[in-house]
Amino acid sequence: MPDTNYRVLRFDELTVQPNHGEEIARTLEACGAPSPAQLLGVFVPLIGVSSNVATIATNWSGEPAAPVYQHAQVSGIRSRLFDVLARGQQPCAAEGIYTHRWFVVAPDQVQALTEMSVEAWKSSEADTGMRIAGFWRCREPNANGEAVVLMIVNYPSLAAWDESRYWKPKPEHQAQPNRNVWGGLFARRREILRDSWVTVHRLAT
């Protein structure tokens, strides 16, 4: 049985020499996570992130070790720690795209953000191709003292991502019988956000 007690995500963004992003990402994926961590995923950018950045996310039951990357083509590392809010226990293995959705809220709104999101997933995953990998809170607030939350989501394709946008017309080929439920929850969630953005990635493999 896999360990399902991972409490911390270490999220490392590696700046690499030009045209070496794919190479470094494949090397990281082949090496896996340092013991006793679990490799959540190694991501290469598709939209919204420099092509010279490779992202590796690892799960830890205790306090993560400091990142060590001894690759000549790695020129910089931004490493952040996130506490698990929901899910986040299983490696990202499905094909398709992975969105990294970032939420900024007042610290006292993190619980509400989490509860609305988890409730919405019950019906949104039934209606669409979205599959939530995890939901985490960054240990460091932003410069304004606000909480930063990361959500990683798998979709079969960019088209599937677009079909799950609750404010757009319903796709003709999907019934989405629960759209009012999850759409309403996502709309309520938006009301408490101070900022949000998304980047799109794929796995290194």
Protein backbone atom coordinates (compact mmCIF):
# COMPACT_ATOMS: atom_id res chain seq x y z
CA MET A 1 0.00 0.00 0.00
CA PRO A 2 1.34 3.48 -0.83
CA ASP A 3 2.10 5.90 1.95
CA THR A 4 -0.92 8.19 2.26
CA ASN A 5 0.42 10.35 5.06
CA TYR A 6 2.33 12.91 3.03
CA ARG A 7 1.92 16.26 4.72
CA VAL A 8 4.35 18.54 2.90
CA LEU A 9 4.99 19.30 -0.75
CA ARG A 10 8.40 20.59 -1.84
CA PHE A 11 7.91 22.53 -5.06
CA ASP A 12 11.17 23.21 -6.88
CA GLU A 13 11.39 25.37 -9.99
CA LEU A 14 14.73 24.92 -11.72
CA THR A 15 16.07 27.51 -14.13
CA VAL A 16 18.19 25.74 -16.74
CA GLN A 17 20.44 26.77 -19.57
CA PRO A 18 18.59 27.54 -22.83
CA ASN A 19 17.26 24.50 -24.67
CA HIS A 20 18.02 22.10 -21.83
CA GLY A 21 14.64 22.10 -20.07
CA GLU A 22 13.38 18.82 -21.54
CA GLU A 23 16.72 17.11 -20.95
CA ILE A 24 16.89 18.14 -17.29
CA ALA A 25 13.24 17.24 -16.72
CA ARG A 26 13.73 13.73 -18.12
CA THR A 27 16.82 13.28 -15.96
CA LEU A 28 14.93 14.36 -12.85
CA GLU A 29 12.06 12.01 -13.63
CA ALA A 30 14.44 9.10 -14.16
CA CYS A 31 16.21 9.78 -10.86
CA GLY A 32 12.98 10.01 -8.88
CA ALA A 33 12.64 11.56 -5.45
CA PRO A 34 15.28 11.43 -2.72
CA SER A 35 14.48 8.88 -0.02
CA PRO A 36 12.10 8.90 1.84
CA ALA A 37 10.14 11.29 -0.36
CA GLN A 38 7.63 10.43 -3.09
CA LEU A 39 7.88 11.96 -6.54
CA LEU A 40 4.59 13.73 -7.23
CA GLY A 41 5.64 14.82 -10.70
CA VAL A 42 8.21 16.44 -12.95
CA PHE A 43 6.62 19.05 -15.19
CA VAL A 44 7.72 20.82 -18.35
CA PRO A 45 5.95 24.02 -19.39
CA LEU A 46 3.39 24.42 -22.13
CA ILE A 47 1.78 27.80 -21.39
CA GLY A 48 2.70 30.61 -19.03
CA VAL A 49 6.15 29.48 -17.89
CA SER A 50 9.57 29.94 -19.47
CA SER A 51 10.77 27.02 -21.56
CA ASN A 52 13.96 27.22 -19.49
CA VAL A 53 12.19 26.11 -16.30
CA ALA A 54 11.65 22.53 -15.12
CA THR A 55 9.42 21.90 -12.10
CA ILE A 56 9.76 18.97 -9.73
CA ALA A 57 7.26 18.35 -6.93
CA THR A 58 7.98 15.87 -4.15
CA ASN A 59 5.87 14.65 -1.23
CA TRP A 60 7.25 14.31 2.29
CA SER A 61 5.85 12.78 5.47
CA GLY A 62 8.16 14.89 7.65
CA GLU A 63 10.22 17.99 7.08
CA PRO A 64 11.72 17.98 3.57
CA ALA A 65 15.43 17.94 3.00
CA ALA A 66 17.00 20.92 1.27
CA PRO A 67 17.02 20.58 -2.52
CA VAL A 68 20.27 19.46 -4.11
CA TYR A 69 20.59 19.39 -7.90
CA GLN A 70 24.07 18.73 -9.21
CA HIS A 71 23.44 19.31 -12.90
CA ALA A 72 25.76 21.57 -14.84
CA GLN A 73 22.83 22.96 -16.82
CA VAL A 74 20.89 24.09 -13.73
CA SER A 75 21.59 27.77 -13.08
CA GLY A 76 19.06 28.55 -10.35
CA ILE A 77 16.50 27.01 -7.99
CA ARG A 78 13.37 28.43 -6.41
CA SER A 79 12.18 26.01 -3.73
CA ARG A 80 8.98 26.43 -1.71
CA LEU A 81 7.24 24.30 0.90
CA PHE A 82 3.50 23.72 0.94
CA ASP A 83 1.29 22.08 3.56
CA VAL A 84 -1.36 19.66 2.30
CA LEU A 85 -4.93 20.94 2.43
CA ALA A 86 -6.62 18.17 0.43
CA ARG A 87 -5.57 15.12 -1.59
CA GLY A 88 -1.99 15.30 -2.85
CA GLN A 89 -1.12 11.74 -1.85
CA GLN A 90 -0.77 10.04 -5.25
CA PRO A 91 1.85 10.63 -7.96
CA CYS A 92 0.77 12.39 -11.12
CA ALA A 93 0.80 9.65 -13.74
CA ALA A 94 -2.09 10.29 -16.13
CA GLU A 95 -1.48 11.54 -19.65
CA GLY A 96 -2.75 14.91 -20.84
CA ILE A 97 -2.05 18.33 -19.39
CA TYR A 98 -1.56 19.52 -15.83
CA THR A 99 -2.65 22.97 -14.74
CA HIS A 100 -0.98 24.66 -11.80
CA ARG A 101 -3.69 26.96 -10.50
CA TRP A 102 -2.65 29.58 -7.97
CA PHE A 103 -5.06 31.23 -5.54
CA VAL A 104 -4.39 34.26 -3.33
CA VAL A 105 -6.75 34.83 -0.40
CA ALA A 106 -6.80 36.39 3.03
CA PRO A 107 -5.29 33.94 5.54
CA ASP A 108 -8.65 33.53 7.31
CA GLN A 109 -10.30 32.47 4.04
CA VAL A 110 -8.11 29.42 3.37
CA GLN A 111 -10.50 27.07 5.13
CA ALA A 112 -13.49 28.37 3.17
CA LEU A 113 -11.51 28.13 -0.06
CA THR A 114 -10.63 24.52 0.70
CA GLU A 115 -14.13 23.48 1.74
CA MET A 116 -15.79 24.99 -1.33
CA SER A 117 -13.19 23.42 -3.61
CA VAL A 118 -13.45 19.93 -2.13
CA GLU A 119 -17.25 20.04 -2.27
CA ALA A 120 -17.19 21.21 -5.90
CA TRP A 121 -14.83 18.42 -6.96
CA LYS A 122 -17.44 15.78 -6.10
CA SER A 123 -19.66 16.91 -8.96
CA SER A 124 -17.17 18.61 -11.31
CA GLU A 125 -15.11 15.43 -11.65
CA ALA A 126 -18.30 13.50 -12.41
CA ASP A 127 -19.24 15.95 -15.17
CA THR A 128 -15.88 16.74 -16.78
CA GLY A 129 -12.42 15.36 -17.48
CA MET A 130 -10.79 17.24 -14.59
CA ARG A 131 -9.02 15.19 -11.94
CA ILE A 132 -7.64 17.06 -8.94
CA ALA A 133 -4.15 15.94 -7.93
CA GLY A 134 -3.90 18.06 -4.82
CA PHE A 135 -4.44 21.31 -2.95
CA TRP A 136 -1.65 22.90 -0.88
CA ARG A 137 -0.96 26.08 1.09
CA CYS A 138 2.41 27.76 0.74
CA ARG A 139 4.15 28.18 4.07
CA GLU A 140 5.34 31.63 3.11
CA PRO A 141 2.70 34.34 2.55
CA ASN A 142 3.17 36.75 -0.31
CA ALA A 143 4.55 40.27 0.07
CA ASN A 144 1.12 41.51 1.20
CA GLY A 145 0.76 38.87 3.91
CA GLU A 146 -1.83 36.96 1.90
CA ALA A 147 -2.09 33.18 1.71
CA VAL A 148 -1.01 31.46 -1.51
CA VAL A 149 -2.64 28.14 -2.41
CA LEU A 150 -1.61 25.78 -5.22
CA MET A 151 -3.95 23.34 -6.96
CA ILE A 152 -2.65 20.84 -9.53
CA VAL A 153 -5.24 19.38 -11.90
CA ASN A 154 -5.02 16.84 -14.70
CA TYR A 155 -7.10 17.13 -17.87
CA PRO A 156 -7.05 14.85 -20.91
CA SER A 157 -6.43 17.86 -23.15
CA LEU A 158 -6.64 21.64 -23.41
CA ALA A 159 -10.10 21.15 -24.89
CA ALA A 160 -11.18 19.27 -21.75
CA TRP A 161 -9.84 22.12 -19.62
CA ASP A 162 -11.87 24.62 -21.65
CA GLU A 163 -15.01 22.49 -21.29
CA SER A 164 -14.78 22.73 -17.51
CA ARG A 165 -14.94 26.55 -17.43
CA TYR A 166 -18.21 27.07 -15.60
CA TRP A 167 -18.88 30.55 -17.01
CA LYS A 168 -18.74 29.37 -20.63
CA PRO A 169 -21.59 27.77 -22.59
CA LYS A 170 -22.08 24.10 -21.80
CA PRO A 171 -20.32 21.79 -24.28
CA GLU A 172 -22.77 20.25 -26.71
CA HIS A 173 -21.34 16.75 -26.31
CA GLN A 174 -21.38 16.73 -22.48
CA ALA A 175 -24.54 16.63 -20.39
CA GLN A 176 -22.83 18.03 -17.28
CA PRO A 177 -25.98 17.48 -15.15
CA ASN A 178 -24.30 18.87 -12.02
CA ARG A 179 -22.96 22.04 -13.63
CA ASN A 180 -25.12 24.36 -11.52
CA VAL A 181 -23.76 22.73 -8.36
CA TRP A 182 -20.04 22.92 -9.05
CA GLY A 183 -20.34 26.06 -11.13
CA GLY A 184 -22.08 27.77 -8.25
CA LEU A 185 -19.38 26.69 -5.80
CA PHE A 186 -16.60 27.86 -8.10
CA ALA A 187 -18.40 31.20 -8.51
CA ARG A 188 -18.60 31.58 -4.72
CA ARG A 189 -14.94 30.66 -4.48
CA ARG A 190 -14.03 33.37 -6.96
CA GLU A 191 -15.71 35.98 -4.77
CA ILE A 192 -13.19 35.48 -1.96
CA LEU A 193 -10.13 35.45 -4.19
CA ARG A 194 -7.77 38.39 -4.25
CA ASP A 195 -5.88 37.02 -7.22
CA SER A 196 -5.57 33.86 -9.29
CA TRP A 197 -3.63 32.62 -12.32
CA VAL A 198 -2.88 29.38 -14.07
CA THR A 199 0.03 27.83 -15.93
CA VAL A 200 -0.15 24.72 -18.11
CA HIS A 201 2.33 21.87 -18.11
CA ARG A 202 2.82 18.26 -19.12
CA LEU A 203 4.75 15.47 -17.45
CA ALA A 204 8.38 14.98 -18.41
CA THR A 205 7.76 11.41 -19.56
